Structures are given as C-alpha cells and as structure tokens.
Protein backbone atom coordinates (compact mmCIF):
# COMPACT_ATOMS: atom_id res chain seq x y z
CA MET A 1 -0.32 -0.10 0.11
CA ASN A 2 1.16 3.22 -0.67
CA THR A 3 1.49 4.54 2.89
CA LYS A 4 1.53 8.56 1.26
CA TRP A 5 -2.09 8.16 0.26
CA HIS A 6 -3.35 6.63 3.71
CA GLY A 7 -5.48 3.56 1.73
CA TYR A 8 -4.63 4.38 -2.15
CA GLN A 9 -2.33 3.44 -4.46
CA GLY A 10 -2.28 6.38 -6.40
CA LYS A 11 -2.99 5.42 -9.88
CA PHE A 12 -5.15 3.55 -12.34
CA LEU A 13 -5.25 1.67 -15.53
CA ASP A 14 -7.17 3.03 -18.38
CA VAL A 15 -7.34 0.32 -21.24
CA ASN A 16 -8.54 1.02 -24.85
CA LEU A 17 -9.22 -2.30 -26.64
CA SER A 18 -9.93 -0.65 -29.83
CA THR A 19 -6.54 0.64 -29.78
CA GLY A 20 -4.55 -1.73 -27.41
CA SER A 21 -2.96 0.61 -25.21
CA CYS A 22 -2.96 0.30 -21.48
CA LYS A 23 -1.69 3.53 -19.92
CA GLN A 24 -1.07 3.73 -16.00
CA LYS A 25 -2.49 7.15 -15.14
CA SER A 26 -1.79 8.99 -11.61
CA LEU A 27 -5.31 9.48 -9.26
CA SER A 28 -5.77 12.91 -8.35
CA HIS A 29 -5.99 13.81 -4.46
CA GLU A 30 -9.37 15.35 -5.14
CA GLN A 31 -11.06 12.52 -6.33
CA ALA A 32 -9.68 10.19 -3.93
CA GLU A 33 -10.96 13.08 -1.32
CA ASN A 34 -14.26 13.58 -2.93
CA TYR A 35 -15.68 10.22 -3.89
CA LEU A 36 -13.73 7.86 -1.42
CA GLY A 37 -13.54 5.12 -4.18
CA GLY A 38 -15.74 2.04 -4.93
CA LYS A 39 -18.78 3.38 -6.64
CA GLY A 40 -17.85 6.74 -5.78
CA PHE A 41 -15.19 6.21 -8.69
CA GLY A 42 -17.41 4.70 -10.79
CA ALA A 43 -20.31 7.44 -10.86
CA ARG A 44 -17.56 10.07 -11.07
CA ILE A 45 -15.83 8.16 -13.99
CA ILE A 46 -19.11 7.47 -15.83
CA PHE A 47 -21.00 10.54 -15.98
CA ASP A 48 -17.58 12.65 -16.98
CA GLN A 49 -16.97 10.05 -19.14
CA VAL A 50 -19.65 8.12 -21.15
CA PRO A 51 -21.60 10.42 -23.98
CA GLN A 52 -25.37 11.27 -23.33
CA GLY A 53 -27.34 8.58 -25.02
CA CYS A 54 -24.59 6.21 -25.85
CA ASP A 55 -25.60 2.75 -26.37
CA PRO A 56 -24.55 0.70 -23.30
CA LEU A 57 -23.66 -1.98 -25.79
CA SER A 58 -21.59 0.07 -28.04
CA SER A 59 -17.83 0.98 -27.63
CA GLU A 60 -18.73 4.37 -26.23
CA ASN A 61 -19.88 2.95 -22.94
CA ILE A 62 -17.06 1.84 -20.43
CA LEU A 63 -16.25 -0.95 -17.78
CA VAL A 64 -14.82 0.79 -14.37
CA PHE A 65 -13.53 -2.15 -11.85
CA ALA A 66 -13.14 -0.28 -8.51
CA THR A 67 -11.61 -0.82 -5.28
CA GLY A 68 -11.63 1.08 -2.06
CA PRO A 69 -9.52 2.63 0.48
CA LEU A 70 -9.94 -0.52 2.78
CA THR A 71 -9.28 -3.25 0.00
CA GLY A 72 -7.01 -5.19 0.53
CA THR A 73 -6.43 -4.66 4.15
CA LEU A 74 -7.50 -6.98 7.72
CA THR A 75 -10.78 -4.78 7.60
CA PRO A 76 -13.62 -7.16 7.43
CA THR A 77 -15.58 -7.70 4.24
CA SER A 78 -12.39 -5.52 2.71
CA GLY A 79 -11.99 -8.11 -0.19
CA ARG A 80 -15.10 -6.53 -2.27
CA MET A 81 -14.47 -4.32 -5.37
CA GLU A 82 -17.51 -2.63 -7.32
CA VAL A 83 -18.06 -2.59 -11.42
CA CYS A 84 -19.70 0.29 -12.75
CA THR A 85 -20.81 1.18 -16.07
CA LYS A 86 -24.29 2.07 -17.98
CA SER A 87 -26.61 -0.92 -18.39
CA PRO A 88 -27.78 -2.84 -20.96
CA LEU A 89 -30.99 -4.00 -19.38
CA THR A 90 -32.40 -0.72 -17.89
CA GLY A 91 -30.36 2.06 -19.99
CA LEU A 92 -29.29 3.68 -16.52
CA TRP A 93 -26.69 3.84 -13.98
CA LEU A 94 -25.32 -0.20 -13.10
CA ASP A 95 -23.23 -0.95 -10.13
CA SER A 96 -22.62 -4.31 -8.95
CA ASN A 97 -20.05 -5.46 -6.40
CA CYS A 98 -18.55 -8.95 -5.31
CA GLY A 99 -16.46 -10.02 -2.88
CA GLY A 100 -13.08 -12.57 -3.34
CA SER A 101 -9.58 -11.70 -4.04
CA LEU A 102 -9.99 -10.07 -7.28
CA GLY A 103 -9.84 -6.50 -5.50
CA PRO A 104 -6.96 -7.13 -3.00
CA GLU A 105 -4.90 -8.45 -5.80
CA ILE A 106 -5.94 -5.29 -8.09
CA LYS A 107 -4.71 -3.12 -5.25
CA THR A 108 -1.65 -5.00 -4.60
CA ALA A 109 -0.85 -5.08 -8.03
CA GLY A 110 -0.87 -0.76 -7.50
CA PHE A 111 -4.28 0.54 -8.75
CA ASP A 112 -7.26 1.85 -7.29
CA HIS A 113 -9.56 1.42 -10.40
CA LEU A 114 -9.35 -0.06 -14.10
CA ILE A 115 -11.34 1.62 -16.64
CA ILE A 116 -11.86 -0.19 -20.00
CA ARG A 117 -13.26 1.15 -22.86
CA GLY A 118 -13.29 0.57 -26.73
CA LYS A 119 -13.75 -3.07 -28.64
CA ALA A 120 -10.91 -5.47 -29.13
CA ALA A 121 -10.78 -6.77 -32.84
CA GLU A 122 -11.16 -10.52 -31.62
CA PRO A 123 -11.84 -12.44 -28.33
CA SER A 124 -9.31 -10.77 -25.58
CA LEU A 125 -7.70 -11.33 -22.03
CA LEU A 126 -6.64 -8.59 -19.85
CA LEU A 127 -3.66 -10.10 -18.47
CA ILE A 128 -2.38 -7.23 -15.09
CA GLU A 129 1.35 -8.81 -13.65
CA ASP A 130 1.73 -6.26 -11.26
CA ASP A 131 2.75 -3.03 -13.41
CA VAL A 132 3.47 -5.44 -16.70
CA ILE A 133 0.02 -4.81 -18.25
CA SER A 134 -0.76 -7.02 -21.80
CA ILE A 135 -3.81 -7.58 -23.91
CA VAL A 136 -3.58 -11.12 -25.44
CA SER A 137 -6.31 -13.40 -27.09
CA ALA A 138 -8.79 -15.68 -25.25
CA SER A 139 -10.04 -16.87 -29.03
CA ASP A 140 -9.49 -20.41 -27.21
CA ILE A 141 -11.50 -19.79 -24.64
CA TRP A 142 -14.38 -17.78 -26.29
CA GLY A 143 -17.42 -20.07 -25.25
CA LEU A 144 -16.19 -21.81 -22.50
CA ASP A 145 -18.54 -21.16 -19.51
CA THR A 146 -17.47 -19.46 -16.52
CA PHE A 147 -16.22 -22.50 -14.29
CA ALA A 148 -13.85 -23.95 -17.42
CA THR A 149 -12.37 -20.22 -17.87
CA HIS A 150 -11.44 -19.66 -14.23
CA SER A 151 -9.79 -23.44 -14.75
CA TRP A 152 -8.15 -22.28 -17.65
CA ILE A 153 -6.93 -19.12 -16.66
CA GLN A 154 -5.31 -21.09 -13.30
CA LYS A 155 -3.93 -23.74 -15.46
CA ILE A 156 -2.04 -21.08 -17.54
CA TYR A 157 -0.90 -18.37 -15.46
CA GLY A 158 -0.82 -20.23 -12.01
CA SER A 159 -3.29 -21.29 -9.28
CA SER A 160 -2.70 -18.38 -7.35
CA ALA A 161 -3.99 -16.18 -10.46
CA LYS A 162 -7.23 -14.62 -9.98
CA SER A 163 -9.82 -13.37 -12.77
CA ALA A 164 -13.20 -12.04 -13.61
CA CYS A 165 -14.69 -13.15 -16.99
CA ILE A 166 -18.04 -13.89 -18.69
CA GLY A 167 -19.62 -16.82 -19.88
CA PRO A 168 -21.76 -17.54 -22.89
CA ALA A 169 -24.34 -15.69 -22.06
CA GLY A 170 -21.76 -12.38 -21.81
CA GLU A 171 -20.64 -13.48 -24.98
CA LYS A 172 -23.93 -13.08 -26.72
CA GLN A 173 -24.86 -9.75 -25.00
CA VAL A 174 -27.68 -11.35 -23.13
CA LEU A 175 -28.81 -8.16 -21.08
CA PHE A 176 -28.96 -9.47 -17.61
CA ALA A 177 -25.51 -11.47 -18.12
CA CYS A 178 -23.19 -11.61 -15.30
CA ILE A 179 -19.35 -10.87 -14.42
CA MET A 180 -18.40 -14.05 -12.50
CA SER A 181 -14.87 -13.87 -10.08
CA GLU A 182 -14.25 -17.13 -8.01
CA GLN A 183 -17.82 -18.31 -8.29
CA ARG A 184 -18.80 -15.01 -6.92
CA SER A 185 -21.01 -12.95 -8.86
CA PHE A 186 -21.11 -9.25 -10.11
CA GLY A 187 -25.12 -9.66 -10.58
CA ARG A 188 -27.79 -7.27 -11.91
CA GLY A 189 -28.09 -5.26 -14.99
CA GLY A 190 -25.81 -6.84 -17.64
CA ALA A 191 -22.03 -5.97 -16.35
CA GLY A 192 -21.67 -9.00 -18.49
CA ALA A 193 -23.19 -8.26 -21.53
CA VAL A 194 -21.08 -5.09 -21.39
CA MET A 195 -17.89 -7.43 -20.97
CA GLY A 196 -19.16 -9.16 -24.10
CA SER A 197 -19.79 -6.15 -26.21
CA LYS A 198 -16.36 -5.70 -25.84
CA ASN A 199 -14.66 -8.73 -26.84
CA LEU A 200 -13.50 -9.33 -23.50
CA LYS A 201 -13.29 -12.47 -22.14
CA ALA A 202 -11.67 -12.40 -18.98
CA ILE A 203 -9.11 -9.69 -16.54
C-alpha cells in the first residue's frame, strides 16, 4: 500500500481495447478525497466520460472496476470491489459489487481502479502482472462457461491467479448477464453483456 495516500495506491489503469493501449495514470487527491473509491469513483468517471444517450453495448460505454481505501486491508468484508457501467438492461446507471480476491489483487498490483473502454478486434483477455499489462488473445476460451474459464486461467497463469470473466451469456450479450469472479457474481443489470460487447473474456 502506498503509505503517502493513506488507503490508496495513487494510480489507475486506463485500457483502450480498440487501440490496444494500457496506460497507467495518476489518481488525483481531489478524486480520492471527494469520491472515496468504489461506487464513488465509478459514478464520477461514468458521468464525465460516457456520452449522454450512448448505447450501453457500443464501444462508447466503459467499464470501471474500482477498489476502495479499505480494499486489501484486514478490515472485515474489505475484499469487495465495484463494477460500474451503463446498464444494457435498463439504460441507466449500473453498479454491482463482489467479494473475493480480485479486488485486493488489483490493489496489490498498484491500482485503485481500472477503466476499460473501446472494443477488441478479437476475443481478448486483460492480463495484469503487477505493472506489466498486456492484452492477449482469448479465442481459445471464447465459448467456455465461467467455471471452465477460471480453470483455464489458473492452468495457464498459475493456481494463484485471480480473475473475473464472462460465460456464453455475456458473449451473446444477454441483457442480464453477470461477470463472475471465483464463483462470485457481479450481478444485476448486465455488466457481463457490456464486457462481452467489448470482446473481453476475462481480466
């Protein structure tokens, strides 16, 4: 944990799947103080960056995976993190939180939140290995359910690898599709469909 930030790492990851760019950017103290993390970060980012009236399943929509200042600490329930986007089911704001290890792992890798924008040209996986970020092909696992996808990721990247992924429902952009992380769900509103619309199989 970045001790100068008192609960924050001080940077975030901005990924554009259309261009393949993965940029590490500085978090502003103003954002941290005013919005605290999690849902607050997501609300501010989506308000500022998602065009009014955009189709939730278009490349203009964004996904925000956000931790909070207590994520990764010994505080009870602090393993939770938030996914925020524009819902394809309602056309309105969507936030969903989920427990497990992914939030603390993202925080340990040095990021307070991830912004995912654009659309990959082919099924893809976002790989975060501390500050080494890459977008790799997920064509071999497109079509797998979430249990098989988690197993494949741990087989290829090690048993300690943590992930969030979609199954066939997300790939087919079913409007209430979930994102699954270690058999836990970012449910409600179709965040999985947004991930599928971006050709993003897993993080």
